[in-house]
Amino acid sequence: MVPHPATLDHEELLVRRGRRSGAYCIVAVHSTALGPALGGCRMWHYEDNRAAMRDALRLSSAMTLKAAVAGLPLGGGKGVIALHGPVPRGAARRDVLLDFGETVDAVGGRYLTAEDVGTTTRDMAVVARATPHVTGLPRARGGSGDPSPWTAVGVEAAILATCERAYGAATVRGRTVAVVGLGHVGLPLARKLSRRGAKLVVADIDPAKRVEADRLGAHWMTPERALTAAVDVIAPCALGGVFDDETVPELQVAAIAGAANNQLAHDAVADALDRRGILWAPDFVCNAGGIINISVELGPSGYDPRRARQRVHGVGDTLRAIFDAASDGATPLTAATALAERNLTRGR
């Protein structure tokens, strides 16, 4: 699988070795043209620190597109904690989170962090001891809490809009949907789709998640098989780079819409999908629910979950506008990127 390319067109990149933990903490600020850069903190195992830095660069540029397409007054950034040993617990976890918090604070408010893969709202409360530039804190602390359920709400809206364009009706009832990845977003998404009458195929690298498939009455597959299964919709909800020059010819689906970041190994894959007649909903549009929810938290009126839900449901309308623009010969990726660039130009 070809990794999604990382560019270096960023405003700022800070790499620090934590004085407590020794772990490398990375903050990448891609753009602040529309506002402070927002992006979660990913705590993950990497083969080396260069791979962790490349991940931060890729993810932060995707966050710029995500915020711009959604019309938010926010830029794109990302935080990464590079693990090379066991996942830290107890005091060791506290130390690495405080080290990351100091790294965030060193950027001076140009980057706002939140939870992401490998971190939680509880972790963000620890990070907040070292910096005020933290979002998504627990509701008891005045924050909006875990953004993952809101990401799932947005992806659900995206899937309905994608089905409307691909199949003529904004419904999944009777459709077979493969949810690949049953994490903090994939599992609540699968439950929502089940309630809407979808036939589910589910997959995860953790075989213990199979119990969730049984509860949903879903068909269990490995992630590799689920991505090429004969289904109506694929919803990638794990890590990125799953669609490349090798996997696209094997696909047996007409529509793709999911939560995973950087789903395409490189941008030319969007053209390959289009040539095959596969409708791909750009990932940075589908998975914007979490950042939209946080933008409500940062707004002047304070956090209101009802207002957040209304705005997150707008993901579907944004996607419909992108599909309309793509019908003139552009791919959805081209149309979505053009929308983001227009918003960024106005911000600049």
Protein backbone atom coordinates (compact mmCIF):
# COMPACT_ATOMS: atom_id res chain seq x y z
CA MET A 1 0.00 0.00 0.00
CA VAL A 2 1.39 3.40 -1.00
CA PRO A 3 1.30 5.86 1.93
CA HIS A 4 -0.65 9.07 1.45
CA PRO A 5 1.99 11.70 0.55
CA ALA A 6 3.00 14.28 3.14
CA THR A 7 3.69 17.80 1.91
CA LEU A 8 5.67 20.47 3.70
CA ASP A 9 3.63 23.58 2.97
CA HIS A 10 2.90 24.18 6.63
CA GLU A 11 3.16 27.34 8.72
CA GLU A 12 4.81 25.64 11.66
CA LEU A 13 6.20 22.29 12.77
CA LEU A 14 7.38 21.73 16.32
CA VAL A 15 9.05 18.51 17.48
CA ARG A 16 10.05 18.21 21.12
CA ARG A 17 11.29 15.38 23.29
CA GLY A 18 9.29 15.34 26.51
CA ARG A 19 11.39 16.18 29.54
CA ARG A 20 9.40 13.78 31.74
CA SER A 21 8.61 10.89 29.44
CA GLY A 22 11.27 11.06 26.74
CA ALA A 23 8.51 10.61 24.14
CA TYR A 24 8.61 12.74 21.02
CA CYS A 25 5.70 15.20 20.88
CA ILE A 26 4.85 16.81 17.54
CA VAL A 27 2.59 19.71 16.63
CA ALA A 28 2.01 20.54 12.96
CA VAL A 29 0.21 23.77 12.08
CA HIS A 30 -0.80 23.69 8.43
CA SER A 31 -2.88 26.86 8.19
CA THR A 32 -4.28 29.62 10.38
CA ALA A 33 -5.79 31.57 7.45
CA LEU A 34 -9.31 31.14 8.83
CA GLY A 35 -8.51 30.96 12.53
CA PRO A 36 -6.46 28.96 15.05
CA ALA A 37 -5.48 25.51 13.85
CA LEU A 38 -7.60 22.77 15.41
CA GLY A 39 -6.79 19.07 15.35
CA GLY A 40 -6.72 16.13 17.71
CA CYS A 41 -3.81 14.53 19.53
CA ARG A 42 -2.98 11.11 18.13
CA MET A 43 -1.03 8.78 20.45
CA TRP A 44 0.24 5.96 18.26
CA HIS A 45 3.05 3.51 17.65
CA TYR A 46 5.28 4.44 14.71
CA GLU A 47 8.21 2.65 13.15
CA ASP A 48 10.31 5.78 13.72
CA ASN A 49 9.92 9.45 14.57
CA ARG A 50 10.04 10.49 10.92
CA ALA A 51 6.93 8.42 10.29
CA ALA A 52 5.22 10.18 13.20
CA MET A 53 6.17 13.56 11.76
CA ARG A 54 4.86 12.60 8.32
CA ASP A 55 1.57 11.54 9.92
CA ALA A 56 1.25 14.91 11.67
CA LEU A 57 1.94 16.73 8.40
CA ARG A 58 -0.62 14.69 6.45
CA LEU A 59 -3.33 14.91 9.07
CA SER A 60 -2.89 18.64 9.68
CA SER A 61 -3.28 19.48 5.99
CA ALA A 62 -6.44 17.36 5.91
CA MET A 63 -7.75 19.34 8.90
CA THR A 64 -7.31 22.58 6.96
CA LEU A 65 -9.49 21.19 4.16
CA LYS A 66 -12.01 19.85 6.67
CA ALA A 67 -12.47 23.17 8.46
CA ALA A 68 -12.50 25.19 5.25
CA VAL A 69 -15.06 23.00 3.47
CA ALA A 70 -17.30 23.16 6.55
CA GLY A 71 -17.02 26.97 6.53
CA LEU A 72 -15.57 27.12 10.05
CA PRO A 73 -13.42 29.95 11.46
CA LEU A 74 -10.65 27.47 12.17
CA GLY A 75 -7.43 26.32 10.57
CA GLY A 76 -5.81 22.93 10.34
CA GLY A 77 -3.36 21.37 12.76
CA LYS A 78 -2.52 18.05 14.37
CA GLY A 79 -0.72 16.73 17.40
CA VAL A 80 1.13 13.42 17.57
CA ILE A 81 2.71 11.55 20.46
CA ALA A 82 5.08 8.95 19.05
CA LEU A 83 5.09 5.73 21.05
CA HIS A 84 7.89 3.19 20.76
CA GLY A 85 7.02 1.01 23.73
CA PRO A 86 3.93 -0.10 25.63
CA VAL A 87 0.93 2.22 25.77
CA PRO A 88 1.62 4.31 28.91
CA ARG A 89 -0.62 3.90 31.94
CA GLY A 90 -0.92 5.66 35.27
CA ALA A 91 1.89 8.06 36.10
CA ALA A 92 3.69 7.31 32.83
CA ARG A 93 0.61 8.36 30.87
CA ARG A 94 0.27 11.52 32.92
CA ASP A 95 3.89 12.41 32.16
CA VAL A 96 3.58 11.97 28.40
CA LEU A 97 0.35 13.98 28.33
CA LEU A 98 1.91 16.83 30.32
CA ASP A 99 4.88 16.79 27.94
CA PHE A 100 2.49 17.03 25.02
CA GLY A 101 0.62 19.85 26.75
CA GLU A 102 3.85 21.83 27.09
CA THR A 103 4.50 21.32 23.38
CA VAL A 104 1.03 22.66 22.56
CA ASP A 105 1.59 25.62 24.86
CA ALA A 106 4.86 26.46 23.14
CA VAL A 107 2.91 27.18 19.92
CA GLY A 108 1.19 30.06 21.71
CA GLY A 109 -2.46 29.42 20.88
CA ARG A 110 -1.98 28.98 17.15
CA TYR A 111 -2.90 25.32 17.67
CA LEU A 112 -5.84 23.98 19.68
CA THR A 113 -5.76 20.30 20.57
CA ALA A 114 -8.46 17.71 21.23
CA GLU A 115 -8.68 13.96 21.57
CA ASP A 116 -7.97 11.64 18.64
CA VAL A 117 -6.87 8.06 18.08
CA GLY A 118 -5.24 6.80 21.26
CA THR A 119 -6.41 9.64 23.52
CA THR A 120 -9.60 10.46 25.44
CA THR A 121 -11.46 13.38 26.99
CA ARG A 122 -9.91 12.32 30.28
CA ASP A 123 -6.48 12.66 28.72
CA MET A 124 -7.38 16.15 27.53
CA ALA A 125 -8.12 17.13 31.13
CA VAL A 126 -4.51 16.17 31.95
CA VAL A 127 -3.15 18.07 28.93
CA ALA A 128 -5.12 21.10 30.16
CA ARG A 129 -2.90 21.22 33.25
CA ALA A 130 -0.05 22.30 30.98
CA THR A 131 -1.88 24.51 28.47
CA PRO A 132 -5.20 26.33 28.13
CA HIS A 133 -5.32 25.53 24.40
CA VAL A 134 -7.44 22.38 24.77
CA THR A 135 -10.92 21.63 23.42
CA GLY A 136 -13.30 18.71 23.86
CA LEU A 137 -12.90 18.64 27.62
CA PRO A 138 -15.50 16.68 29.62
CA ARG A 139 -18.91 18.35 29.85
CA ALA A 140 -18.37 18.71 33.62
CA ARG A 141 -15.37 20.91 32.80
CA GLY A 142 -17.41 23.14 30.47
CA GLY A 143 -16.34 21.43 27.25
CA SER A 144 -18.30 19.55 24.61
CA GLY A 145 -16.93 16.12 25.58
CA ASP A 146 -15.97 13.30 23.25
CA PRO A 147 -16.29 14.49 19.62
CA SER A 148 -16.44 10.94 18.24
CA PRO A 149 -20.24 10.52 18.49
CA TRP A 150 -20.63 13.78 16.58
CA THR A 151 -18.29 12.53 13.89
CA ALA A 152 -20.57 9.49 13.60
CA VAL A 153 -23.62 11.77 13.24
CA GLY A 154 -21.89 13.60 10.39
CA VAL A 155 -20.84 10.38 8.65
CA GLU A 156 -24.41 9.09 8.90
CA ALA A 157 -25.61 12.27 7.16
CA ALA A 158 -22.88 11.81 4.54
CA ILE A 159 -23.89 8.21 3.85
CA LEU A 160 -27.52 9.23 3.35
CA ALA A 161 -26.50 11.98 0.92
CA THR A 162 -24.20 9.57 -0.92
CA CYS A 163 -26.96 6.97 -1.23
CA GLU A 164 -29.29 9.68 -2.54
CA ARG A 165 -26.80 10.46 -5.33
CA ALA A 166 -25.76 6.88 -6.07
CA TYR A 167 -29.11 5.11 -5.69
CA GLY A 168 -31.76 7.85 -5.94
CA ALA A 169 -32.98 7.84 -2.32
CA ALA A 170 -31.49 9.17 0.93
CA THR A 171 -31.97 5.92 2.83
CA VAL A 172 -29.97 2.83 3.77
CA ARG A 173 -33.03 0.67 4.40
CA GLY A 174 -32.43 -2.62 2.62
CA ARG A 175 -28.93 -1.54 1.55
CA THR A 176 -25.83 -3.48 2.57
CA VAL A 177 -23.24 -1.27 4.24
CA ALA A 178 -19.74 -2.41 5.21
CA VAL A 179 -18.45 -0.53 8.26
CA VAL A 180 -14.71 -1.16 8.40
CA GLY A 181 -13.42 -0.32 11.87
CA LEU A 182 -15.55 -0.50 15.02
CA GLY A 183 -13.83 2.15 17.09
CA HIS A 184 -15.17 5.31 18.71
CA VAL A 185 -16.78 6.39 15.42
CA GLY A 186 -17.37 3.15 13.54
CA LEU A 187 -19.34 1.41 16.28
CA PRO A 188 -21.86 4.21 16.94
CA LEU A 189 -22.18 4.66 13.18
CA ALA A 190 -22.95 0.96 12.74
CA ARG A 191 -25.63 1.19 15.43
CA LYS A 192 -27.20 4.20 13.71
CA LEU A 193 -27.25 2.45 10.35
CA SER A 194 -28.73 -0.67 11.90
CA ARG A 195 -31.57 1.38 13.36
CA ARG A 196 -32.17 2.80 9.89
CA GLY A 197 -32.67 -0.69 8.49
CA ALA A 198 -29.31 -1.29 6.81
CA LYS A 199 -27.90 -4.78 6.36
CA LEU A 200 -24.49 -4.60 7.97
CA VAL A 201 -21.12 -6.09 7.25
CA VAL A 202 -18.64 -5.09 9.97
CA ALA A 203 -14.91 -5.55 10.35
CA ASP A 204 -12.11 -4.71 12.75
CA ILE A 205 -8.51 -5.74 13.32
CA ASP A 206 -9.49 -6.67 16.89
CA PRO A 207 -11.28 -10.06 16.82
CA ALA A 208 -12.82 -9.27 20.21
CA LYS A 209 -15.05 -6.75 18.41
CA ARG A 210 -16.87 -9.68 16.85
CA VAL A 211 -19.22 -9.64 19.82
CA GLU A 212 -20.46 -6.26 18.57
CA ALA A 213 -21.25 -7.83 15.21
CA ASP A 214 -23.38 -10.43 16.97
CA ARG A 215 -25.25 -7.75 18.90
CA LEU A 216 -25.98 -5.88 15.68
CA GLY A 217 -26.95 -8.99 13.76
CA ALA A 218 -24.17 -8.07 11.32
CA HIS A 219 -21.99 -10.27 9.15
CA TRP A 220 -18.38 -10.29 10.42
CA MET A 221 -15.42 -10.10 8.03
CA THR A 222 -11.76 -9.23 8.19
CA PRO A 223 -11.04 -5.62 7.14
CA GLU A 224 -9.33 -6.81 3.94
CA ARG A 225 -12.34 -8.84 2.85
CA ALA A 226 -14.86 -6.19 3.88
CA LEU A 227 -13.19 -3.54 1.71
CA THR A 228 -13.67 -5.65 -1.42
CA ALA A 229 -17.01 -7.24 -0.51
CA ALA A 230 -20.04 -6.99 -2.82
CA VAL A 231 -21.98 -4.34 -0.87
CA ASP A 232 -23.85 -1.12 -1.62
CA VAL A 233 -21.75 1.23 0.52
CA ILE A 234 -18.31 0.97 2.12
CA ALA A 235 -17.76 3.12 5.23
CA PRO A 236 -14.02 3.10 6.08
CA CYS A 237 -13.74 4.07 9.76
CA ALA A 238 -10.21 3.03 10.74
CA LEU A 239 -6.80 4.24 9.54
CA GLY A 240 -6.14 5.75 6.12
CA GLY A 241 -4.54 4.76 2.83
CA VAL A 242 -6.95 1.85 2.25
CA PHE A 243 -7.72 2.70 -1.38
CA ASP A 244 -4.76 2.49 -3.74
CA ASP A 245 -3.80 1.29 -7.20
CA GLU A 246 -4.09 -2.33 -6.09
CA THR A 247 -7.36 -2.24 -4.15
CA VAL A 248 -9.46 -0.04 -6.46
CA PRO A 249 -9.69 -2.66 -9.25
CA GLU A 250 -10.93 -5.18 -6.65
CA LEU A 251 -13.80 -3.05 -5.34
CA GLN A 252 -17.37 -4.32 -5.77
CA VAL A 253 -19.25 -1.24 -4.59
CA ALA A 254 -20.87 1.85 -6.09
CA ALA A 255 -20.50 4.25 -3.15
CA ILE A 256 -17.92 5.00 -0.46
CA ALA A 257 -18.45 7.32 2.53
CA GLY A 258 -16.70 6.91 5.86
CA ALA A 259 -14.89 8.48 8.78
CA ALA A 260 -11.27 7.45 8.16
CA ASN A 261 -8.82 10.24 7.33
CA ASN A 262 -6.68 10.13 4.18
CA GLN A 263 -8.56 7.18 2.69
CA LEU A 264 -6.86 7.57 -0.70
CA ALA A 265 -3.23 6.52 -0.93
CA HIS A 266 -2.72 9.41 -3.35
CA ASP A 267 -4.98 11.91 -5.08
CA ALA A 268 -4.94 10.09 -8.44
CA VAL A 269 -6.95 7.30 -6.80
CA ALA A 270 -9.95 9.66 -6.94
CA ASP A 271 -9.72 9.59 -10.74
CA ALA A 272 -9.43 5.79 -10.72
CA LEU A 273 -12.58 5.52 -8.60
CA ASP A 274 -14.40 7.92 -10.91
CA ARG A 275 -13.42 5.92 -14.00
CA ARG A 276 -14.89 2.83 -12.36
CA GLY A 277 -18.14 4.65 -11.64
CA ILE A 278 -17.62 4.50 -7.87
CA LEU A 279 -18.95 7.55 -6.01
CA TRP A 280 -16.43 8.54 -3.32
CA ALA A 281 -17.48 11.07 -0.70
CA PRO A 282 -14.32 12.99 0.30
CA ASP A 283 -13.25 11.90 3.76
CA PHE A 284 -12.52 15.42 5.00
CA VAL A 285 -16.15 16.32 4.28
CA CYS A 286 -17.70 13.17 5.79
CA ASN A 287 -15.79 13.23 9.06
CA ALA A 288 -16.17 16.94 9.88
CA GLY A 289 -18.83 16.35 12.55
CA GLY A 290 -16.34 16.35 15.41
CA ILE A 291 -14.68 19.63 14.45
CA ILE A 292 -18.08 21.23 13.74
CA ASN A 293 -19.19 20.23 17.24
CA ILE A 294 -16.04 21.74 18.76
CA SER A 295 -16.56 24.96 16.78
CA VAL A 296 -19.87 25.36 18.64
CA GLU A 297 -17.97 24.95 21.92
CA LEU A 298 -15.59 27.72 20.85
CA GLY A 299 -18.38 30.05 19.72
CA PRO A 300 -19.36 33.23 21.57
CA SER A 301 -22.62 31.73 22.90
CA GLY A 302 -20.99 28.69 24.48
CA TYR A 303 -21.77 25.07 23.84
CA ASP A 304 -25.29 23.97 22.93
CA PRO A 305 -25.74 20.33 21.82
CA ARG A 306 -28.94 21.15 19.92
CA ARG A 307 -27.15 23.78 17.87
CA ALA A 308 -24.26 21.37 17.37
CA ARG A 309 -26.56 18.64 16.02
CA GLN A 310 -28.20 21.03 13.58
CA ARG A 311 -24.82 22.13 12.23
CA VAL A 312 -23.42 18.61 12.03
CA HIS A 313 -26.41 17.49 9.97
CA GLY A 314 -25.28 20.12 7.46
CA VAL A 315 -22.51 17.72 6.38
CA GLY A 316 -25.07 16.09 4.10
CA ASP A 317 -25.97 19.39 2.43
CA THR A 318 -22.30 20.26 1.92
CA LEU A 319 -21.76 16.89 0.29
CA ARG A 320 -24.75 17.36 -2.01
CA ALA A 321 -23.30 20.68 -3.21
CA ILE A 322 -19.96 18.97 -3.85
CA PHE A 323 -21.63 16.18 -5.84
CA ASP A 324 -23.47 18.83 -7.88
CA ALA A 325 -20.17 20.55 -8.66
CA ALA A 326 -18.57 17.21 -9.54
CA SER A 327 -21.31 16.48 -12.09
CA ASP A 328 -19.65 19.04 -14.40
CA GLY A 329 -16.76 16.65 -15.02
CA ALA A 330 -14.70 17.11 -11.87
CA THR A 331 -14.28 14.38 -9.27
CA PRO A 332 -15.76 14.91 -5.79
CA LEU A 333 -12.21 15.36 -4.52
CA THR A 334 -11.55 18.15 -7.03
CA ALA A 335 -14.86 19.83 -6.23
CA ALA A 336 -14.36 19.61 -2.47
CA THR A 337 -10.79 20.93 -2.68
CA ALA A 338 -11.97 23.84 -4.86
CA LEU A 339 -14.63 24.72 -2.27
CA ALA A 340 -12.01 24.66 0.49
CA GLU A 341 -9.65 26.84 -1.53
CA ARG A 342 -12.39 29.41 -2.18
CA ASN A 343 -13.10 29.66 1.54
CA LEU A 344 -9.39 29.86 2.36
CA THR A 345 -8.85 32.61 -0.21
CA ARG A 346 -11.65 34.66 1.34
CA GLY A 347 -10.06 34.11 4.76
CA ARG A 348 -6.66 35.24 3.56
